[in-house]
Amino acid sequence: MALAITALTAALLVALAVFVMAQGHGRFSLGVGAALLGYGALVAAIAWLGWKRHPLGYGPLVGVTLLHGCVVASTAWGSQAWWLWFGLLPALVAIVCLLAPVVREEFGRTGAR
């Protein structure tokens, strides 16, 4: 589940990058779009490492999930829009899935109980 959420996030970031670049605001749109594209590629690489069950993929999966949860919470808190808090649910589900003992064992984490 966490891998699917991370891969979906990567796809959404890449799509957002394309839309931002297409806005036509000159260098600004291209710069923001390029940054989003690079970050989307990084998130996709993290999802791929997780898919391959690479031991180095576990930490970045947890980290990027926590980061996205914090971004959603910060946006919801700052905008005073109560419905944005629902965007935190996928991050919470992903964190619970990633911290499950069976997932930790899949990634070869020692100390999994």
C-alpha atoms as a PDB file:
ATOM      1  CA  MET A   1       0.000   0.000   0.000  1.00  0.00           C
ATOM      2  CA  ALA A   2       2.789   2.418   0.906  1.00  0.00           C
ATOM      3  CA  LEU A   3       4.546   1.729  -2.386  1.00  0.00           C
ATOM      4  CA  ALA A   4       1.365   2.417  -4.352  1.00  0.00           C
ATOM      5  CA  ILE A   5       0.828   5.701  -2.515  1.00  0.00           C
ATOM      6  CA  THR A   6       4.453   6.732  -3.121  1.00  0.00           C
ATOM      7  CA  ALA A   7       4.293   5.792  -6.810  1.00  0.00           C
ATOM      8  CA  LEU A   8       1.005   7.684  -7.195  1.00  0.00           C
ATOM      9  CA  THR A   9       2.585  10.711  -5.532  1.00  0.00           C
ATOM     10  CA  ALA A  10       5.478  10.543  -8.002  1.00  0.00           C
ATOM     11  CA  ALA A  11       3.072  10.388 -10.945  1.00  0.00           C
ATOM     12  CA  LEU A  12       1.087  13.344  -9.605  1.00  0.00           C
ATOM     13  CA  LEU A  13       4.271  15.381  -9.138  1.00  0.00           C
ATOM     14  CA  VAL A  14       5.374  14.693 -12.719  1.00  0.00           C
ATOM     15  CA  ALA A  15       1.910  15.609 -14.044  1.00  0.00           C
ATOM     16  CA  LEU A  16       1.950  18.793 -11.969  1.00  0.00           C
ATOM     17  CA  ALA A  17       5.389  19.618 -13.391  1.00  0.00           C
ATOM     18  CA  VAL A  18       4.058  19.319 -16.949  1.00  0.00           C
ATOM     19  CA  PHE A  19       1.066  21.545 -16.150  1.00  0.00           C
ATOM     20  CA  VAL A  20       3.245  24.153 -14.464  1.00  0.00           C
ATOM     21  CA  MET A  21       5.640  24.255 -17.405  1.00  0.00           C
ATOM     22  CA  ALA A  22       2.694  24.675 -19.775  1.00  0.00           C
ATOM     23  CA  GLN A  23       1.464  27.783 -17.915  1.00  0.00           C
ATOM     24  CA  GLY A  24       3.608  29.974 -20.118  1.00  0.00           C
ATOM     25  CA  HIS A  25       5.008  32.350 -17.511  1.00  0.00           C
ATOM     26  CA  GLY A  26       8.485  32.199 -18.981  1.00  0.00           C
ATOM     27  CA  ARG A  27      11.471  31.130 -16.965  1.00  0.00           C
ATOM     28  CA  PHE A  28       9.531  31.005 -13.715  1.00  0.00           C
ATOM     29  CA  SER A  29       7.198  28.276 -14.971  1.00  0.00           C
ATOM     30  CA  LEU A  30      10.094  26.352 -16.435  1.00  0.00           C
ATOM     31  CA  GLY A  31      12.115  26.594 -13.220  1.00  0.00           C
ATOM     32  CA  VAL A  32       9.293  25.492 -10.940  1.00  0.00           C
ATOM     33  CA  GLY A  33       8.306  22.769 -13.399  1.00  0.00           C
ATOM     34  CA  ALA A  34      11.880  21.494 -13.620  1.00  0.00           C
ATOM     35  CA  ALA A  35      12.136  21.369  -9.819  1.00  0.00           C
ATOM     36  CA  LEU A  36       8.864  19.463  -9.575  1.00  0.00           C
ATOM     37  CA  LEU A  37       9.974  17.119 -12.347  1.00  0.00           C
ATOM     38  CA  GLY A  38      13.250  16.410 -10.564  1.00  0.00           C
ATOM     39  CA  TYR A  39      11.498  15.818  -7.255  1.00  0.00           C
ATOM     40  CA  GLY A  40       8.925  13.577  -8.944  1.00  0.00           C
ATOM     41  CA  ALA A  41      11.754  11.543 -10.473  1.00  0.00           C
ATOM     42  CA  LEU A  42      13.388  11.243  -7.040  1.00  0.00           C
ATOM     43  CA  VAL A  43      10.134  10.034  -5.466  1.00  0.00           C
ATOM     44  CA  ALA A  44       9.701   7.565  -8.349  1.00  0.00           C
ATOM     45  CA  ALA A  45      13.229   6.246  -7.742  1.00  0.00           C
ATOM     46  CA  ILE A  46      12.400   5.796  -4.044  1.00  0.00           C
ATOM     47  CA  ALA A  47       9.244   3.878  -4.981  1.00  0.00           C
ATOM     48  CA  TRP A  48      11.276   1.717  -7.375  1.00  0.00           C
ATOM     49  CA  LEU A  49      13.815   0.907  -4.648  1.00  0.00           C
ATOM     50  CA  GLY A  50      10.918  -0.087  -2.427  1.00  0.00           C
ATOM     51  CA  TRP A  51       9.407  -2.231  -5.158  1.00  0.00           C
ATOM     52  CA  LYS A  52      12.724  -4.074  -5.516  1.00  0.00           C
ATOM     53  CA  ARG A  53      12.833  -4.488  -1.706  1.00  0.00           C
ATOM     54  CA  HIS A  54      16.270  -2.882  -1.698  1.00  0.00           C
ATOM     55  CA  PRO A  55      17.520  -2.358   1.866  1.00  0.00           C
ATOM     56  CA  LEU A  56      18.314   1.300   1.087  1.00  0.00           C
ATOM     57  CA  GLY A  57      14.728   1.896  -0.011  1.00  0.00           C
ATOM     58  CA  TYR A  58      13.111   1.611   3.403  1.00  0.00           C
ATOM     59  CA  GLY A  59      14.473   4.768   5.015  1.00  0.00           C
ATOM     60  CA  PRO A  60      13.694   7.048   2.063  1.00  0.00           C
ATOM     61  CA  LEU A  61      10.173   5.572   1.844  1.00  0.00           C
ATOM     62  CA  VAL A  62       9.521   6.429   5.473  1.00  0.00           C
ATOM     63  CA  GLY A  63      11.174   9.832   5.097  1.00  0.00           C
ATOM     64  CA  VAL A  64       9.309  10.916   1.989  1.00  0.00           C
ATOM     65  CA  THR A  65       6.022   9.743   3.486  1.00  0.00           C
ATOM     66  CA  LEU A  66       6.628  11.759   6.647  1.00  0.00           C
ATOM     67  CA  LEU A  67       7.661  14.772   4.562  1.00  0.00           C
ATOM     68  CA  HIS A  68       4.501  14.639   2.461  1.00  0.00           C
ATOM     69  CA  GLY A  69       2.383  14.237   5.591  1.00  0.00           C
ATOM     70  CA  CYS A  70       4.010  17.329   7.111  1.00  0.00           C
ATOM     71  CA  VAL A  71       3.439  19.331   3.920  1.00  0.00           C
ATOM     72  CA  VAL A  72      -0.250  18.384   3.875  1.00  0.00           C
ATOM     73  CA  ALA A  73      -0.648  19.174   7.580  1.00  0.00           C
ATOM     74  CA  SER A  74       1.122  22.516   7.198  1.00  0.00           C
ATOM     75  CA  THR A  75      -1.034  23.450   4.227  1.00  0.00           C
ATOM     76  CA  ALA A  76      -4.214  22.442   6.038  1.00  0.00           C
ATOM     77  CA  TRP A  77      -3.209  24.327   9.182  1.00  0.00           C
ATOM     78  CA  GLY A  78      -2.218  27.479   7.319  1.00  0.00           C
ATOM     79  CA  SER A  79      -5.218  27.631   5.019  1.00  0.00           C
ATOM     80  CA  GLN A  80      -7.859  27.060   7.700  1.00  0.00           C
ATOM     81  CA  ALA A  81      -9.644  24.689   5.298  1.00  0.00           C
ATOM     82  CA  TRP A  82     -10.863  21.729   7.360  1.00  0.00           C
ATOM     83  CA  TRP A  83     -11.272  19.437   4.354  1.00  0.00           C
ATOM     84  CA  LEU A  84      -7.536  19.518   3.585  1.00  0.00           C
ATOM     85  CA  TRP A  85      -6.948  17.384   6.664  1.00  0.00           C
ATOM     86  CA  PHE A  86      -8.370  14.430   4.706  1.00  0.00           C
ATOM     87  CA  GLY A  87      -5.262  14.633   2.530  1.00  0.00           C
ATOM     88  CA  LEU A  88      -3.296  13.419   5.538  1.00  0.00           C
ATOM     89  CA  LEU A  89      -5.015  10.001   5.452  1.00  0.00           C
ATOM     90  CA  PRO A  90      -2.864   8.466   2.667  1.00  0.00           C
ATOM     91  CA  ALA A  91       0.318   9.468   4.497  1.00  0.00           C
ATOM     92  CA  LEU A  92      -0.960   7.998   7.754  1.00  0.00           C
ATOM     93  CA  VAL A  93      -1.956   4.748   6.035  1.00  0.00           C
ATOM     94  CA  ALA A  94       1.453   4.541   4.358  1.00  0.00           C
ATOM     95  CA  ILE A  95       3.324   5.124   7.632  1.00  0.00           C
ATOM     96  CA  VAL A  96       1.289   2.456   9.430  1.00  0.00           C
ATOM     97  CA  CYS A  97       1.983   0.026   6.579  1.00  0.00           C
ATOM     98  CA  LEU A  98       5.701   0.836   6.529  1.00  0.00           C
ATOM     99  CA  LEU A  99       6.104   0.362  10.273  1.00  0.00           C
ATOM    100  CA  ALA A 100       4.389  -3.035  10.288  1.00  0.00           C
ATOM    101  CA  PRO A 101       6.782  -5.810  11.349  1.00  0.00           C
ATOM    102  CA  VAL A 102       6.196  -7.849   8.186  1.00  0.00           C
ATOM    103  CA  VAL A 103       7.225  -4.904   5.991  1.00  0.00           C
ATOM    104  CA  ARG A 104      10.316  -4.253   8.094  1.00  0.00           C
ATOM    105  CA  GLU A 105      11.291  -7.908   7.673  1.00  0.00           C
ATOM    106  CA  GLU A 106      10.784  -7.684   3.912  1.00  0.00           C
ATOM    107  CA  PHE A 107      13.354  -4.902   3.791  1.00  0.00           C
ATOM    108  CA  GLY A 108      15.756  -6.904   5.957  1.00  0.00           C
ATOM    109  CA  ARG A 109      15.507  -4.584   8.948  1.00  0.00           C
ATOM    110  CA  THR A 110      16.921  -6.134  12.087  1.00  0.00           C
ATOM    111  CA  GLY A 111      15.020  -5.815  15.293  1.00  0.00           C
ATOM    112  CA  ALA A 112      11.648  -6.320  13.586  1.00  0.00           C
ATOM    113  CA  ARG A 113       9.248  -7.944  16.008  1.00  0.00           C
END
